[in-house]
N, C-alpha and C. Protein backbone atom coordinates (compact mmCIF):
# COMPACT_ATOMS: atom_id res chain seq x y z
N MET A 1 7.22 -11.94 22.83
CA MET A 1 7.45 -11.15 21.99
C MET A 1 5.77 -10.30 22.29
N THR A 2 6.87 -9.21 21.68
CA THR A 2 5.74 -7.63 21.90
C THR A 2 5.87 -6.92 20.20
N HIS A 3 4.46 -6.83 20.37
CA HIS A 3 3.14 -6.48 19.07
C HIS A 3 3.44 -5.06 18.70
N ARG A 4 2.85 -4.06 17.81
CA ARG A 4 2.86 -3.45 17.38
C ARG A 4 1.63 -3.65 17.27
N VAL A 5 0.72 -2.21 17.63
CA VAL A 5 -0.77 -2.00 16.67
C VAL A 5 -0.69 -0.84 16.18
N VAL A 6 -1.61 -1.95 14.94
CA VAL A 6 -1.62 -0.03 13.95
C VAL A 6 -3.57 -0.47 14.20
N TYR A 7 -3.75 0.90 13.07
CA TYR A 7 -5.36 1.10 12.89
C TYR A 7 -5.90 1.22 11.56
N ALA A 8 -6.03 0.44 11.48
CA ALA A 8 -6.80 0.26 9.49
C ALA A 8 -7.69 1.48 9.35
N PRO A 9 -7.20 2.17 8.67
CA PRO A 9 -8.70 3.05 7.83
C PRO A 9 -10.11 2.46 8.37
N ARG A 10 -10.59 1.79 8.04
CA ARG A 10 -11.77 1.07 8.71
C ARG A 10 -12.35 1.43 10.20
N SER A 11 -11.59 0.81 10.92
CA SER A 11 -11.65 1.16 13.04
C SER A 11 -11.23 2.40 12.85
N ARG A 12 -10.62 3.54 12.31
CA ARG A 12 -10.26 4.33 12.36
C ARG A 12 -11.27 5.42 12.14
N ARG A 13 -12.56 4.98 11.29
CA ARG A 13 -14.03 5.38 10.80
C ARG A 13 -14.99 4.89 12.38
N ASP A 14 -14.51 3.86 12.45
CA ASP A 14 -15.38 3.45 13.50
C ASP A 14 -14.78 4.76 14.59
N LEU A 15 -14.30 4.73 14.79
CA LEU A 15 -13.83 5.41 16.67
C LEU A 15 -14.20 6.52 15.93
N GLU A 16 -14.49 7.05 14.89
CA GLU A 16 -15.02 8.61 14.85
C GLU A 16 -16.77 8.54 15.13
N LYS A 17 -16.98 7.32 14.06
CA LYS A 17 -18.66 7.55 14.89
C LYS A 17 -18.79 7.18 15.89
N ILE A 18 -18.13 6.23 17.10
CA ILE A 18 -18.31 5.58 18.33
C ILE A 18 -18.15 6.96 18.77
N ARG A 19 -17.48 7.91 18.55
CA ARG A 19 -17.42 9.09 19.20
C ARG A 19 -17.75 10.18 19.10
N ALA A 20 -18.55 10.50 18.37
CA ALA A 20 -19.97 11.46 17.70
C ALA A 20 -20.63 10.95 18.78
N TYR A 21 -21.08 9.08 18.14
CA TYR A 21 -22.68 9.09 18.90
C TYR A 21 -22.74 8.92 20.32
N LEU A 22 -20.71 9.14 21.00
CA LEU A 22 -21.98 9.25 22.41
C LEU A 22 -21.88 10.87 22.97
N ALA A 23 -21.02 11.28 22.36
CA ALA A 23 -21.01 12.51 22.66
C ALA A 23 -21.76 13.22 22.38
N THR A 24 -22.80 12.99 21.39
CA THR A 24 -24.59 13.45 21.31
C THR A 24 -25.26 12.70 22.51
N GLU A 25 -24.99 11.67 22.43
CA GLU A 25 -26.75 10.71 23.44
C GLU A 25 -25.69 11.10 24.53
N SER A 26 -24.68 11.41 25.32
CA SER A 26 -24.23 11.62 26.49
C SER A 26 -24.79 13.47 26.97
N GLY A 27 -24.09 14.18 25.42
CA GLY A 27 -24.53 15.60 25.67
C GLY A 27 -23.09 16.08 26.26
N ASN A 28 -22.14 15.22 26.53
CA ASN A 28 -20.96 15.58 26.66
C ASN A 28 -20.16 14.67 25.94
N PRO A 29 -18.67 15.41 25.19
CA PRO A 29 -18.24 15.53 24.59
C PRO A 29 -17.08 14.89 25.46
N ALA A 30 -16.55 15.35 26.78
CA ALA A 30 -15.81 14.77 27.39
C ALA A 30 -16.44 13.46 27.57
N THR A 31 -17.09 13.37 28.08
CA THR A 31 -17.25 11.54 27.83
C THR A 31 -17.00 10.99 27.03
N ALA A 32 -17.18 10.85 25.69
CA ALA A 32 -17.37 10.75 24.81
C ALA A 32 -15.63 10.26 24.51
N ASP A 33 -14.86 11.52 25.25
CA ASP A 33 -13.11 11.42 24.64
C ASP A 33 -12.70 9.86 25.63
N ARG A 34 -13.46 10.22 27.47
CA ARG A 34 -12.92 9.56 28.18
C ARG A 34 -13.39 7.90 27.93
N PHE A 35 -14.29 7.05 27.63
CA PHE A 35 -14.53 6.18 26.57
C PHE A 35 -13.29 5.59 25.75
N LEU A 36 -13.49 6.29 25.24
CA LEU A 36 -12.47 6.44 23.77
C LEU A 36 -11.32 6.33 24.21
N THR A 37 -10.40 7.07 25.18
CA THR A 37 -9.15 6.34 26.20
C THR A 37 -9.28 5.09 26.10
N LYS A 38 -10.49 5.05 27.13
CA LYS A 38 -10.05 3.64 27.97
C LYS A 38 -9.89 2.93 26.81
N LEU A 39 -11.11 2.65 25.45
CA LEU A 39 -10.84 1.53 24.58
C LEU A 39 -9.72 1.57 23.99
N PHE A 40 -8.43 3.07 23.62
CA PHE A 40 -7.34 2.87 22.78
C PHE A 40 -6.51 2.07 24.16
N GLU A 41 -6.56 2.15 24.77
CA GLU A 41 -5.53 1.95 26.26
C GLU A 41 -5.76 0.27 25.86
N HIS A 42 -7.20 -0.41 25.56
CA HIS A 42 -7.72 -1.30 25.95
C HIS A 42 -7.05 -2.00 24.41
N CYS A 43 -7.22 -1.72 23.34
CA CYS A 43 -5.81 -1.96 21.82
C CYS A 43 -5.12 -2.17 22.66
N GLU A 44 -4.32 -1.40 23.39
CA GLU A 44 -2.55 -1.12 23.42
C GLU A 44 -2.57 -1.96 23.82
N ALA A 45 -2.82 -3.09 24.86
CA ALA A 45 -2.68 -4.03 25.31
C ALA A 45 -2.85 -5.32 24.66
N LEU A 46 -3.13 -5.36 23.11
CA LEU A 46 -3.07 -6.38 22.77
C LEU A 46 -1.49 -6.45 21.97
N LYS A 47 -0.30 -5.30 22.23
CA LYS A 47 1.14 -5.73 21.95
C LYS A 47 1.54 -6.97 22.39
N THR A 48 0.91 -7.03 24.29
CA THR A 48 1.33 -8.80 24.71
C THR A 48 -0.08 -9.76 24.14
N PHE A 49 0.60 -11.04 24.11
CA PHE A 49 -0.67 -11.91 24.02
C PHE A 49 -1.15 -11.44 23.07
N PRO A 50 -1.21 -11.58 22.20
CA PRO A 50 -3.06 -10.55 21.45
C PRO A 50 -4.07 -12.39 21.14
N THR A 51 -3.32 -13.21 21.30
CA THR A 51 -4.00 -14.52 20.03
C THR A 51 -4.57 -15.17 21.95
N ARG A 52 -4.81 -13.96 22.79
CA ARG A 52 -5.88 -14.90 23.82
C ARG A 52 -7.06 -14.84 23.51
N TYR A 53 -7.60 -13.53 22.75
CA TYR A 53 -8.73 -13.39 22.44
C TYR A 53 -8.89 -14.66 21.30
N ALA A 54 -11.01 -14.56 21.41
CA ALA A 54 -11.30 -16.05 20.40
C ALA A 54 -10.19 -15.26 19.00
N ILE A 55 -10.98 -16.50 18.53
CA ILE A 55 -11.03 -16.45 16.52
C ILE A 55 -12.74 -16.03 16.52
N TYR A 56 -12.47 -15.07 15.65
CA TYR A 56 -14.08 -14.63 15.27
C TYR A 56 -14.41 -15.85 13.79
N PRO A 57 -15.94 -16.45 14.88
CA PRO A 57 -16.29 -17.97 13.64
C PRO A 57 -16.54 -17.01 12.20
N TYR A 58 -16.91 -15.96 11.92
CA TYR A 58 -17.76 -16.00 10.71
C TYR A 58 -16.52 -15.28 9.29
N ALA A 59 -14.92 -15.08 10.64
CA ALA A 59 -14.28 -14.53 9.59
C ALA A 59 -12.89 -15.45 10.15
N ARG A 60 -12.14 -16.53 10.06
CA ARG A 60 -11.41 -16.96 11.01
C ARG A 60 -10.18 -16.86 11.46
N SER A 61 -9.91 -15.65 10.23
CA SER A 61 -8.31 -15.08 10.06
C SER A 61 -8.26 -13.97 11.43
N TRP A 62 -9.75 -13.35 11.04
CA TRP A 62 -9.68 -12.38 12.65
C TRP A 62 -9.63 -12.96 14.10
N ARG A 63 -9.85 -12.36 15.39
CA ARG A 63 -10.17 -12.37 16.46
C ARG A 63 -10.78 -11.28 17.06
N MET A 64 -11.45 -11.72 17.86
CA MET A 64 -12.49 -10.42 18.91
C MET A 64 -12.11 -10.47 19.81
N MET A 65 -11.91 -8.82 20.23
CA MET A 65 -11.85 -8.49 21.49
C MET A 65 -13.07 -7.99 22.28
N PRO A 66 -13.59 -7.92 23.30
CA PRO A 66 -14.75 -7.24 24.07
C PRO A 66 -14.29 -6.11 24.58
N PHE A 67 -15.20 -5.30 24.44
CA PHE A 67 -14.62 -4.31 25.56
C PHE A 67 -16.01 -3.46 25.70
N GLU A 68 -15.67 -3.34 27.26
CA GLU A 68 -17.74 -2.95 27.45
C GLU A 68 -18.54 -3.40 26.24
N ASP A 69 -19.43 -2.26 25.70
CA ASP A 69 -20.67 -3.22 24.27
C ASP A 69 -20.20 -3.15 23.15
N TYR A 70 -18.67 -2.81 23.17
CA TYR A 70 -18.51 -3.08 21.94
C TYR A 70 -17.33 -4.27 21.62
N LEU A 71 -17.21 -4.29 20.00
CA LEU A 71 -16.07 -6.01 20.07
C LEU A 71 -15.13 -5.11 19.29
N VAL A 72 -13.72 -5.57 19.38
CA VAL A 72 -12.95 -4.81 18.63
C VAL A 72 -12.47 -6.25 18.03
N PHE A 73 -12.31 -5.75 16.23
CA PHE A 73 -11.77 -7.61 15.83
C PHE A 73 -10.38 -6.65 14.79
N PHE A 74 -9.71 -7.74 15.19
CA PHE A 74 -8.18 -7.47 14.81
C PHE A 74 -7.79 -8.55 14.33
N ASP A 75 -6.27 -9.04 13.80
CA ASP A 75 -5.76 -9.78 12.89
C ASP A 75 -4.24 -9.45 13.54
N VAL A 76 -3.50 -10.70 13.17
CA VAL A 76 -2.06 -10.99 14.18
C VAL A 76 -1.13 -10.95 12.55
N HIS A 77 -0.01 -10.38 12.46
CA HIS A 77 0.62 -11.12 11.46
C HIS A 77 2.09 -10.91 12.02
N GLU A 78 2.42 -11.52 12.36
CA GLU A 78 4.16 -11.79 12.83
C GLU A 78 4.21 -10.64 14.23
N SER A 79 4.47 -9.77 14.19
CA SER A 79 4.70 -8.78 14.94
C SER A 79 3.68 -7.31 14.77
N LEU A 80 2.50 -7.88 14.71
CA LEU A 80 2.34 -6.52 14.34
C LEU A 80 0.59 -6.83 14.15
N VAL A 81 -0.55 -6.35 15.15
CA VAL A 81 -1.70 -6.78 15.18
C VAL A 81 -2.67 -5.63 14.38
N ARG A 82 -3.65 -5.14 13.87
CA ARG A 82 -3.97 -4.83 13.29
C ARG A 82 -5.43 -4.36 13.33
N ILE A 83 -5.91 -3.74 13.99
CA ILE A 83 -7.08 -2.73 14.46
C ILE A 83 -8.12 -3.16 13.43
N ALA A 84 -8.73 -3.89 13.45
CA ALA A 84 -9.51 -3.75 11.64
C ALA A 84 -10.98 -2.89 11.52
N HIS A 85 -11.64 -2.91 12.67
CA HIS A 85 -12.97 -3.11 12.73
C HIS A 85 -13.42 -3.22 14.50
N ILE A 86 -14.30 -2.00 14.49
CA ILE A 86 -15.02 -1.65 16.12
C ILE A 86 -16.35 -1.77 15.65
N ARG A 87 -17.43 -2.40 16.94
CA ARG A 87 -18.17 -2.06 16.43
C ARG A 87 -19.58 -2.42 17.65
N HIS A 88 -20.21 -2.27 18.33
CA HIS A 88 -21.98 -2.36 19.26
C HIS A 88 -21.98 -3.62 19.04
N GLY A 89 -21.88 -4.15 20.57
CA GLY A 89 -21.75 -6.14 20.54
C GLY A 89 -23.34 -6.07 19.67
N ALA A 90 -24.19 -5.35 20.23
CA ALA A 90 -25.78 -5.60 19.56
C ALA A 90 -25.73 -5.82 18.55
N ARG A 91 -25.25 -5.67 17.56
CA ARG A 91 -25.42 -5.74 15.95
C ARG A 91 -25.49 -7.24 15.40
N LYS A 92 -25.86 -7.24 13.85
CA LYS A 92 -25.56 -8.86 13.85
C LYS A 92 -24.09 -9.22 12.77
N PRO A 93 -24.01 -10.31 13.23
CA PRO A 93 -22.52 -10.78 13.03
C PRO A 93 -22.17 -10.01 11.11
N PHE A 94 -21.00 -9.89 11.12
CA PHE A 94 -20.53 -9.32 10.14
C PHE A 94 -19.95 -10.74 9.20
N PRO A 95 -19.78 -10.91 7.32
CA PRO A 95 -18.22 -11.78 6.97
C PRO A 95 -17.70 -11.38 7.17
N GLY A 96 -16.59 -10.71 8.14
CA GLY A 96 -15.32 -9.96 7.94
C GLY A 96 -15.28 -9.18 6.94
N GLY A 97 -14.00 -9.24 6.19
CA GLY A 97 -13.29 -8.63 5.21
C GLY A 97 -11.90 -7.45 5.84
N ARG A 98 -11.99 -6.68 4.08
CA ARG A 98 -10.77 -6.40 5.04
C ARG A 98 -11.17 -4.80 5.09
N GLY A 99 -10.28 -4.32 6.07
CA GLY A 99 -10.87 -2.79 6.30
C GLY A 99 -9.77 -1.64 6.07
């Protein structure tokens, strides 16, 4: 089964913040853009078999997918994968919630 991947408003805000941070830290917006391109490609891979990733223990309706130093939190509903939140893996766990 192929799923459709959608991005919740919260995850879109996360992506904007990640891009801004990486562009500032690297001093090169193209570096940030390349990172986001790879991240989007990784997220789009959830179209097939998204349940291969672990359930997030703090919000059991969510799953988490690692990507470099980040974690992508998502849920699966029938043929839809909703990217809910993206955050740096070094941050403390969060309780989940809708985004």
